[in-house]
Amino acid sequence: MKYVGKAVEVFLSTGTRFPRDIIWAMGLVKYAAARANRELGLLEEPVAEAIMKASMEVAEGAHDDKIVVDVFQTGSGTGLNMNVNEVIASRATEILGRKVHPNDHVNMSQSSNDVVPTAVRVAALKSLRDRVIPSLKSLIGELKRLEERVSDVVKPGRTHFRDALPVRMDQEFRAFRDAFERHLEALAGIEAQIREVPLGGTAVGTGLNAHPRYIELAVKYLSEASGLDLAPATSRFRAMRLLTDLVVLSGAYRAIALDLWRLGQDLRIMYSGPFTGIAEIDMPQEIPGSSMMPGKVNPVTIEAAMQASAQVVGLDHSNTMANLLGELELSMGIPLVGYNVVTQSILLGEALGKMASLVVARVKANKERARDLAFRSQALITVISPIIGYEKAAEVSRMLYEGKTIEEALKALGFTGDEIDRILDMSKLTEPGIPALELRKEKK
């Protein structure tokens, strides 16, 4: 492999290799191209058949050890394209028993400039559908089930890490489910953009040196082979010089990662303890959390998912910068954006899935603990102040700081048990309404 041998010398040597999904997509692009050229009479049957067979072997992973070029290479992805061309040509030569050329035959009707932007979109779409969407749906489902389990758990709200008005635990988790459902809806719209590929644009988007029917046939066969509903780009020039659709996907991944981070952070806070923290929930853990402190268990899966989220956010910034590389007829950040977007999907798919099955599905509310904390919240004075007046409310506040519960404080002010129950009816305090007005009406 002459080109690859030299390329390995002049590209960076970081050990960063293309993900399996991108190699899979490259193999399928070569298969579709050979099949289209065969049908158009541009590639003789035996040569086309050998190329198609070798291409499917590449797609299936039989030659991954030979795809050796670094991600940090020529910005058009020519290094990747030629590496794949040479692997397929070498294997097709073995199959056919005579020379198959990497450029004249395998790369017929193609350029790196349309092949690699096509392959990275195909890989991104596959990875989105196979990894991110199923895991996101799983997390949404587990959050819904969790809401049902904790729908009767009242706890103190907290703002600025200080006591706030009470909330139900299901209301807290409903906020996250709503956010992830919105992300799922957004991904559906982004899918429609990514499915458009520039295959057939050849070097600059014009399609020179490709048969007029090549685009239609090549994209059709690529759709069939990949199982994805692909379409020729409405503008090949746009899809070759701009990677904005992939950056939009990256941005959606970033948004999901941010909300996943927040979910993880809130769960860690609620899980803090067991005796010196908030301890409103429990989550059975699989492994010890400390190498030194016996019996200590930590939210290890959450911490791993939050680190993955941080990496997704970082890769999104990399994609923003890489998208700015290039000018005129070509983007120059194609290999890096492709690598990043697929890597983001791998990270998110794993993090979302593990958060669903190993964390959210196992959350158990410490109901009595949460209720006790809710009744100790200084913020409950907000509810009773309109009833008892400012001076008495200040007195209640003082008693709470001294360690009394709000029930004890109200009893000290002369309220009966029945009146206290009505004032502190948590089912009303976690829904819209003005309890003070209702009590005033009753007293009149």
Protein backbone atom coordinates (compact mmCIF):
# COMPACT_ATOMS: atom_id res chain seq x y z
CA MET A 1 0.00 0.00 0.00
CA LYS A 2 2.16 2.79 -1.38
CA TYR A 3 -0.02 5.75 -0.43
CA VAL A 4 -0.68 4.52 3.11
CA GLY A 5 2.98 3.80 3.75
CA LYS A 6 3.92 7.38 2.94
CA ALA A 7 0.83 8.81 4.63
CA VAL A 8 1.71 7.20 7.95
CA GLU A 9 5.00 9.10 7.80
CA VAL A 10 3.56 12.53 7.07
CA PHE A 11 0.29 12.49 9.05
CA LEU A 12 0.31 12.74 12.83
CA SER A 13 0.95 9.53 14.71
CA THR A 14 -1.26 9.79 17.80
CA GLY A 15 -2.74 6.30 17.77
CA THR A 16 -6.20 7.82 17.24
CA ARG A 17 -8.06 5.51 14.89
CA PHE A 18 -11.42 5.89 13.19
CA PRO A 19 -14.38 4.27 14.99
CA ARG A 20 -15.83 1.05 13.63
CA ASP A 21 -18.96 2.80 12.34
CA ILE A 22 -16.90 5.01 10.03
CA ILE A 23 -14.95 2.05 8.61
CA TRP A 24 -18.28 0.25 8.15
CA ALA A 25 -19.66 3.25 6.26
CA MET A 26 -16.55 3.56 4.07
CA GLY A 27 -16.85 -0.09 3.06
CA LEU A 28 -20.50 0.37 2.12
CA VAL A 29 -19.76 3.51 0.07
CA LYS A 30 -17.19 1.55 -1.96
CA TYR A 31 -19.66 -1.31 -2.40
CA ALA A 32 -22.40 1.04 -3.61
CA ALA A 33 -20.03 2.83 -5.99
CA ALA A 34 -18.82 -0.42 -7.58
CA ARG A 35 -22.36 -1.70 -7.95
CA ALA A 36 -23.53 1.53 -9.60
CA ASN A 37 -20.53 1.61 -11.96
CA ARG A 38 -21.16 -2.02 -12.90
CA GLU A 39 -24.80 -1.29 -13.76
CA LEU A 40 -23.75 1.73 -15.82
CA GLY A 41 -21.29 -0.40 -17.80
CA LEU A 42 -18.25 1.51 -16.53
CA LEU A 43 -16.76 -1.34 -14.51
CA GLU A 44 -16.57 -4.83 -15.96
CA GLU A 45 -18.55 -7.48 -14.09
CA PRO A 46 -15.70 -9.58 -12.61
CA VAL A 47 -13.82 -6.52 -11.33
CA ALA A 48 -16.97 -5.00 -9.85
CA GLU A 49 -17.88 -8.27 -8.15
CA ALA A 50 -14.41 -8.57 -6.59
CA ILE A 51 -14.54 -4.96 -5.36
CA MET A 52 -18.04 -5.42 -3.95
CA LYS A 53 -17.00 -8.56 -2.08
CA ALA A 54 -13.86 -6.94 -0.68
CA SER A 55 -15.83 -3.81 0.25
CA MET A 56 -18.34 -5.82 2.27
CA GLU A 57 -15.46 -7.50 4.08
CA VAL A 58 -14.18 -4.04 5.05
CA ALA A 59 -17.67 -3.04 6.20
CA GLU A 60 -17.94 -6.17 8.32
CA GLY A 61 -14.60 -5.55 10.05
CA ALA A 62 -12.45 -8.23 8.40
CA HIS A 63 -9.66 -5.76 7.60
CA ASP A 64 -9.79 -3.28 10.48
CA ASP A 65 -6.14 -4.00 11.33
CA LYS A 66 -5.17 -2.60 7.91
CA ILE A 67 -6.99 0.74 8.32
CA VAL A 68 -4.03 2.40 10.01
CA VAL A 69 -4.09 6.10 9.11
CA ASP A 70 -4.47 8.54 11.98
CA VAL A 71 -7.59 10.68 12.41
CA PHE A 72 -5.30 13.72 12.38
CA GLN A 73 -4.49 13.68 8.67
CA THR A 74 -5.31 15.58 5.50
CA GLY A 75 -8.48 17.55 6.10
CA SER A 76 -10.43 16.10 3.19
CA GLY A 77 -10.02 12.57 4.53
CA THR A 78 -7.96 11.51 1.50
CA GLY A 79 -5.77 9.46 3.85
CA LEU A 80 -8.74 7.42 5.01
CA ASN A 81 -10.18 7.11 1.50
CA MET A 82 -6.91 5.90 -0.02
CA ASN A 83 -6.23 3.54 2.88
CA VAL A 84 -9.62 1.91 2.25
CA ASN A 85 -9.09 1.97 -1.54
CA GLU A 86 -5.77 0.15 -1.21
CA VAL A 87 -7.09 -2.44 1.23
CA ILE A 88 -10.03 -3.19 -1.06
CA ALA A 89 -7.85 -3.23 -4.20
CA SER A 90 -5.40 -5.65 -2.59
CA ARG A 91 -8.15 -8.00 -1.45
CA ALA A 92 -10.06 -7.71 -4.76
CA THR A 93 -6.83 -8.62 -6.61
CA GLU A 94 -6.63 -11.80 -4.51
CA ILE A 95 -10.26 -12.64 -5.26
CA LEU A 96 -10.05 -11.91 -8.99
CA GLY A 97 -6.57 -13.26 -9.64
CA ARG A 98 -5.49 -10.17 -11.54
CA LYS A 99 -4.68 -6.56 -10.75
CA VAL A 100 -7.41 -4.30 -9.37
CA HIS A 101 -6.28 -0.68 -9.11
CA PRO A 102 -7.14 1.42 -6.01
CA ASN A 103 -7.76 4.59 -8.05
CA ASP A 104 -8.82 3.43 -11.51
CA HIS A 105 -11.23 0.78 -10.25
CA VAL A 106 -12.06 1.10 -6.52
CA ASN A 107 -12.22 4.92 -6.59
CA MET A 108 -14.06 5.15 -9.93
CA SER A 109 -16.59 8.04 -10.08
CA GLN A 110 -15.43 9.20 -6.66
CA SER A 111 -13.24 11.67 -4.84
CA SER A 112 -12.23 11.77 -1.20
CA ASN A 113 -14.11 15.07 -1.18
CA ASP A 114 -17.50 13.41 -1.64
CA VAL A 115 -16.78 9.93 -0.25
CA VAL A 116 -15.62 10.85 3.26
CA PRO A 117 -18.32 13.49 3.94
CA THR A 118 -20.83 10.84 2.85
CA ALA A 119 -19.32 8.13 5.04
CA VAL A 120 -19.16 10.26 8.18
CA ARG A 121 -22.83 11.20 7.80
CA VAL A 122 -23.82 7.56 7.28
CA ALA A 123 -21.79 6.59 10.35
CA ALA A 124 -23.26 9.43 12.41
CA LEU A 125 -26.80 8.44 11.44
CA LYS A 126 -26.21 4.77 12.26
CA SER A 127 -24.63 5.61 15.58
CA LEU A 128 -27.46 7.98 16.46
CA ARG A 129 -30.10 5.36 15.71
CA ASP A 130 -28.28 2.38 17.20
CA ARG A 131 -26.91 3.98 20.34
CA VAL A 132 -28.26 7.35 21.37
CA ILE A 133 -31.96 7.09 20.57
CA PRO A 134 -32.52 3.66 22.21
CA SER A 135 -30.61 4.71 25.34
CA LEU A 136 -32.42 8.04 25.51
CA LYS A 137 -35.77 6.27 25.25
CA SER A 138 -34.69 3.87 27.97
CA LEU A 139 -33.81 6.73 30.32
CA ILE A 140 -37.12 8.47 29.60
CA GLY A 141 -38.97 5.24 30.39
CA GLU A 142 -37.10 4.70 33.67
CA LEU A 143 -37.70 8.30 34.73
CA LYS A 144 -41.43 7.82 34.12
CA ARG A 145 -41.45 4.66 36.24
CA LEU A 146 -39.48 6.46 38.94
CA GLU A 147 -42.04 9.27 38.99
CA GLU A 148 -44.75 6.71 39.66
CA ARG A 149 -42.76 5.16 42.52
CA VAL A 150 -42.17 8.47 44.30
CA SER A 151 -45.40 10.32 43.50
CA ASP A 152 -46.39 10.43 47.19
CA VAL A 153 -43.00 11.56 48.51
CA VAL A 154 -42.93 15.16 49.74
CA LYS A 155 -39.53 16.74 50.35
CA PRO A 156 -38.08 20.20 50.84
CA GLY A 157 -37.31 22.20 47.76
CA ARG A 158 -33.90 23.85 47.71
CA THR A 159 -32.71 26.96 45.93
CA HIS A 160 -29.18 28.30 46.31
CA PHE A 161 -28.61 25.19 48.49
CA ARG A 162 -30.95 26.75 51.07
CA ASP A 163 -34.39 25.66 52.28
CA ALA A 164 -37.22 26.42 49.87
CA LEU A 165 -40.90 25.52 49.62
CA PRO A 166 -41.81 21.81 49.51
CA VAL A 167 -42.03 19.79 46.33
CA ARG A 168 -42.94 16.23 45.48
CA MET A 169 -40.09 14.04 44.37
CA ASP A 170 -41.94 13.04 41.20
CA GLN A 171 -42.12 16.73 40.22
CA GLU A 172 -38.33 16.93 40.35
CA PHE A 173 -37.84 13.90 38.12
CA ARG A 174 -40.64 14.99 35.79
CA ALA A 175 -38.55 18.05 34.96
CA PHE A 176 -35.76 15.84 33.65
CA ARG A 177 -38.11 13.53 31.75
CA ASP A 178 -39.63 16.53 30.01
CA ALA A 179 -36.16 17.76 29.05
CA PHE A 180 -35.08 14.40 27.62
CA GLU A 181 -38.35 14.02 25.72
CA ARG A 182 -37.67 17.38 24.09
CA HIS A 183 -34.18 16.21 23.15
CA LEU A 184 -35.68 13.12 21.52
CA GLU A 185 -38.02 15.28 19.46
CA ALA A 186 -35.15 17.52 18.39
CA LEU A 187 -33.09 14.54 17.22
CA ALA A 188 -35.88 13.47 14.86
CA GLY A 189 -35.56 16.76 12.98
CA ILE A 190 -31.77 16.56 12.87
CA GLU A 191 -31.91 13.04 11.42
CA ALA A 192 -33.67 14.44 8.36
CA GLN A 193 -30.72 16.75 7.69
CA ILE A 194 -27.99 14.15 8.13
CA ARG A 195 -29.60 11.60 5.81
CA GLU A 196 -28.70 13.82 2.83
CA VAL A 197 -25.31 12.78 1.45
CA PRO A 198 -23.09 14.36 -1.23
CA LEU A 199 -21.99 11.10 -2.89
CA GLY A 200 -21.48 11.77 -6.61
CA GLY A 201 -20.21 15.31 -6.18
CA THR A 202 -16.68 14.04 -6.95
CA ALA A 203 -13.95 16.67 -6.45
CA VAL A 204 -15.78 20.00 -6.14
CA GLY A 205 -19.50 19.18 -6.21
CA THR A 206 -20.08 19.25 -9.96
CA GLY A 207 -20.04 15.47 -10.43
CA LEU A 208 -17.43 15.61 -13.21
CA ASN A 209 -16.09 12.17 -14.18
CA ALA A 210 -19.20 10.44 -12.83
CA HIS A 211 -22.06 9.16 -15.01
CA PRO A 212 -25.22 11.36 -14.85
CA ARG A 213 -27.16 8.46 -13.30
CA TYR A 214 -24.39 7.52 -10.89
CA ILE A 215 -25.65 9.67 -8.01
CA GLU A 216 -29.12 8.17 -8.09
CA LEU A 217 -27.86 4.59 -8.25
CA ALA A 218 -24.98 4.92 -5.77
CA VAL A 219 -27.15 6.53 -3.08
CA LYS A 220 -29.89 3.94 -3.70
CA TYR A 221 -27.47 1.05 -3.21
CA LEU A 222 -25.87 2.73 -0.21
CA SER A 223 -29.32 3.06 1.39
CA GLU A 224 -30.05 -0.61 0.76
CA ALA A 225 -26.71 -1.82 2.09
CA SER A 226 -26.79 0.37 5.21
CA GLY A 227 -30.45 -0.04 6.04
CA LEU A 228 -30.70 3.74 6.30
CA ASP A 229 -33.08 5.98 4.38
CA LEU A 230 -30.48 8.14 2.63
CA ALA A 231 -31.05 10.75 -0.06
CA PRO A 232 -28.85 12.74 -2.45
CA ALA A 233 -28.05 16.14 -0.93
CA THR A 234 -30.25 18.94 -2.21
CA SER A 235 -26.95 20.75 -2.74
CA ARG A 236 -23.81 18.65 -3.04
CA PHE A 237 -21.82 21.88 -2.85
CA ARG A 238 -23.31 22.62 0.55
CA ALA A 239 -22.79 19.11 1.92
CA MET A 240 -19.14 19.06 0.79
CA ARG A 241 -18.05 22.49 1.96
CA LEU A 242 -20.20 22.76 5.11
CA LEU A 243 -20.57 20.29 7.97
CA THR A 244 -23.16 22.37 9.77
CA ASP A 245 -25.70 19.54 9.92
CA LEU A 246 -23.18 17.44 11.86
CA VAL A 247 -22.41 20.40 14.11
CA VAL A 248 -26.14 20.73 14.81
CA LEU A 249 -26.17 17.05 15.83
CA SER A 250 -23.11 17.66 17.99
CA GLY A 251 -24.90 20.60 19.61
CA ALA A 252 -27.90 18.38 20.36
CA TYR A 253 -25.54 15.86 21.95
CA ARG A 254 -24.04 18.68 24.00
CA ALA A 255 -27.48 19.70 25.26
CA ILE A 256 -28.31 16.11 26.23
CA ALA A 257 -24.98 15.83 28.03
CA LEU A 258 -25.66 19.01 30.00
CA ASP A 259 -29.03 17.75 31.22
CA LEU A 260 -27.56 14.33 31.97
CA TRP A 261 -24.88 16.08 34.04
CA ARG A 262 -27.55 18.00 35.98
CA LEU A 263 -29.55 14.82 36.61
CA GLY A 264 -26.41 13.12 37.89
CA GLN A 265 -25.51 16.08 40.07
CA ASP A 266 -28.98 16.23 41.65
CA LEU A 267 -29.01 12.49 42.29
CA ARG A 268 -25.59 12.67 43.97
CA ILE A 269 -26.81 15.45 46.27
CA MET A 270 -30.02 13.60 47.18
CA TYR A 271 -27.97 10.41 47.77
CA SER A 272 -25.41 12.14 49.99
CA GLY A 273 -25.05 10.41 53.35
CA PRO A 274 -26.03 7.93 54.60
CA PHE A 275 -25.92 9.65 58.01
CA THR A 276 -24.28 13.04 57.52
CA GLY A 277 -25.87 14.17 54.25
CA ILE A 278 -29.30 14.77 52.74
CA ALA A 279 -30.03 11.06 52.25
CA GLU A 280 -33.44 11.51 50.61
CA ILE A 281 -32.84 8.56 48.27
CA ASP A 282 -30.94 5.31 48.24
CA MET A 283 -29.37 3.60 45.23
CA PRO A 284 -27.95 0.08 45.57
CA GLN A 285 -24.39 0.01 44.22
CA GLU A 286 -22.58 -2.87 42.55
CA ILE A 287 -19.07 -2.32 43.89
CA PRO A 288 -17.33 -0.79 46.92
CA GLY A 289 -16.58 2.89 46.48
CA SER A 290 -13.43 3.12 48.57
CA SER A 291 -10.19 1.16 48.66
CA MET A 292 -9.59 2.27 52.26
CA MET A 293 -12.91 2.88 54.02
CA PRO A 294 -14.80 -0.43 54.52
CA GLY A 295 -18.51 -0.34 53.76
CA LYS A 296 -18.35 2.97 51.89
CA VAL A 297 -20.42 3.02 48.71
CA ASN A 298 -20.25 5.81 46.16
CA PRO A 299 -22.42 6.76 43.15
CA VAL A 300 -19.82 5.39 40.75
CA THR A 301 -22.02 5.00 37.67
CA ILE A 302 -23.24 8.58 38.00
CA GLU A 303 -19.68 9.84 38.26
CA ALA A 304 -18.66 7.89 35.15
CA ALA A 305 -21.66 9.26 33.22
CA MET A 306 -20.83 12.82 34.28
CA GLN A 307 -17.26 12.39 33.02
CA ALA A 308 -18.62 11.12 29.71
CA SER A 309 -20.88 14.18 29.60
CA ALA A 310 -17.88 16.44 30.08
CA GLN A 311 -16.14 14.76 27.16
CA VAL A 312 -19.21 15.16 24.91
CA VAL A 313 -19.27 18.88 25.69
CA GLY A 314 -15.57 19.19 24.93
CA LEU A 315 -15.91 17.36 21.61
CA ASP A 316 -18.74 19.71 20.67
CA HIS A 317 -16.38 22.66 21.03
CA SER A 318 -13.84 20.79 18.90
CA ASN A 319 -16.53 20.32 16.24
CA THR A 320 -17.30 24.03 16.24
CA MET A 321 -13.66 24.83 15.56
CA ALA A 322 -13.21 22.03 13.01
CA ASN A 323 -16.28 23.22 11.11
CA LEU A 324 -14.53 26.54 10.56
CA LEU A 325 -11.60 24.83 8.87
CA GLY A 326 -11.74 25.00 5.10
CA GLU A 327 -12.72 27.46 2.45
CA LEU A 328 -14.44 27.69 -0.92
CA GLU A 329 -15.30 24.21 -2.27
CA LEU A 330 -14.25 22.04 0.67
CA SER A 331 -14.43 21.61 4.42
CA MET A 332 -11.04 20.80 5.88
CA GLY A 333 -12.21 19.31 9.17
CA ILE A 334 -14.04 16.27 7.83
CA PRO A 335 -12.04 13.47 9.51
CA LEU A 336 -12.07 15.14 12.92
CA VAL A 337 -15.78 16.05 12.89
CA GLY A 338 -16.66 12.50 11.81
CA TYR A 339 -14.51 10.99 14.55
CA ASN A 340 -15.89 13.37 17.18
CA VAL A 341 -19.58 12.95 16.35
CA VAL A 342 -19.41 9.16 16.36
CA THR A 343 -17.38 9.25 19.58
CA GLN A 344 -20.00 11.52 21.15
CA SER A 345 -22.72 9.03 20.25
CA ILE A 346 -20.73 6.17 21.77
CA LEU A 347 -20.20 8.12 24.99
CA LEU A 348 -23.80 9.30 25.24
CA GLY A 349 -25.31 5.95 24.33
CA GLU A 350 -23.33 4.26 27.08
CA ALA A 351 -23.87 7.00 29.68
CA LEU A 352 -27.63 7.30 29.05
CA GLY A 353 -28.11 3.54 29.06
CA LYS A 354 -26.17 2.94 32.28
CA MET A 355 -27.87 5.86 34.02
CA ALA A 356 -31.21 4.32 33.08
CA SER A 357 -30.55 0.72 34.12
CA LEU A 358 -28.06 1.04 36.98
CA VAL A 359 -29.14 4.33 38.55
CA VAL A 360 -32.65 5.62 37.83
CA ALA A 361 -34.20 2.13 37.84
CA ARG A 362 -32.75 1.54 41.33
CA VAL A 363 -33.60 4.82 43.03
CA LYS A 364 -35.61 4.32 46.20
CA ALA A 365 -37.03 7.23 48.14
CA ASN A 366 -36.39 7.52 51.86
CA LYS A 367 -39.92 8.76 52.33
CA GLU A 368 -39.90 9.45 56.07
CA ARG A 369 -36.55 11.18 55.90
CA ALA A 370 -37.76 13.41 53.05
CA ARG A 371 -40.98 14.25 54.91
CA ASP A 372 -39.10 15.07 58.09
CA LEU A 373 -36.80 17.43 56.21
CA ALA A 374 -39.79 19.06 54.49
CA PHE A 375 -41.38 19.82 57.85
CA ARG A 376 -38.12 21.29 59.12
CA SER A 377 -37.82 23.69 56.19
CA GLN A 378 -37.63 27.30 57.25
CA ALA A 379 -39.32 28.21 53.98
CA LEU A 380 -42.69 26.93 55.29
CA ILE A 381 -42.98 30.26 57.06
CA THR A 382 -43.88 31.61 53.60
CA VAL A 383 -47.13 29.63 53.84
CA ILE A 384 -48.13 30.58 57.38
CA SER A 385 -46.96 34.22 57.45
CA PRO A 386 -50.19 35.56 55.84
CA ILE A 387 -52.17 33.63 58.48
CA ILE A 388 -50.30 34.46 61.69
CA GLY A 389 -48.72 37.80 60.79
CA TYR A 390 -45.16 39.01 60.54
CA GLU A 391 -44.32 39.12 64.26
CA LYS A 392 -45.50 35.58 65.01
CA ALA A 393 -43.86 34.31 61.80
CA ALA A 394 -40.55 35.75 62.99
CA GLU A 395 -41.07 33.95 66.30
CA VAL A 396 -41.69 30.67 64.46
CA SER A 397 -38.51 31.22 62.46
CA ARG A 398 -36.54 31.66 65.69
CA MET A 399 -37.96 28.41 67.09
CA LEU A 400 -37.05 26.52 63.90
CA TYR A 401 -33.47 27.72 64.16
CA GLU A 402 -33.47 26.46 67.75
CA GLY A 403 -34.29 22.97 66.49
CA LYS A 404 -38.07 22.76 66.91
CA THR A 405 -40.24 21.43 64.09
CA ILE A 406 -42.78 23.78 62.56
CA GLU A 407 -45.53 21.67 64.14
CA GLU A 408 -44.01 22.20 67.58
CA ALA A 409 -43.64 25.93 66.91
CA LEU A 410 -47.27 26.30 65.84
CA LYS A 411 -48.46 24.38 68.89
CA ALA A 412 -46.46 26.78 71.04
CA LEU A 413 -48.43 29.64 69.44
CA GLY A 414 -51.72 28.01 70.39
CA PHE A 415 -52.77 26.30 67.15
CA THR A 416 -54.72 23.06 67.50
CA GLY A 417 -53.64 19.81 65.89
CA ASP A 418 -56.45 20.04 63.35
CA GLU A 419 -55.49 23.59 62.39
CA ILE A 420 -51.84 22.59 62.02
CA ASP A 421 -52.78 19.68 59.76
CA ARG A 422 -54.76 22.00 57.51
CA ILE A 423 -52.00 24.64 57.43
CA LEU A 424 -49.34 22.06 56.63
CA ASP A 425 -51.31 19.92 54.17
CA MET A 426 -48.42 19.01 51.87
CA SER A 427 -50.76 17.82 49.14
CA LYS A 428 -51.86 21.44 48.76
CA LEU A 429 -48.43 22.98 49.26
CA THR A 430 -47.02 21.21 46.19
CA GLU A 431 -49.76 22.38 43.81
CA PRO A 432 -50.99 25.81 42.63
CA GLY A 433 -53.16 27.61 45.15
CA ILE A 434 -53.16 30.10 48.05
CA PRO A 435 -53.63 28.13 51.30
CA ALA A 436 -53.69 31.30 53.42
CA LEU A 437 -56.81 32.58 51.66
CA GLU A 438 -58.58 29.26 52.15
CA LEU A 439 -57.89 29.28 55.90
CA ARG A 440 -59.01 32.89 56.23
CA LYS A 441 -62.32 32.04 54.56
CA GLU A 442 -62.82 29.14 56.96
CA LYS A 443 -62.22 31.36 60.01
CA LYS A 444 -64.75 33.90 58.77
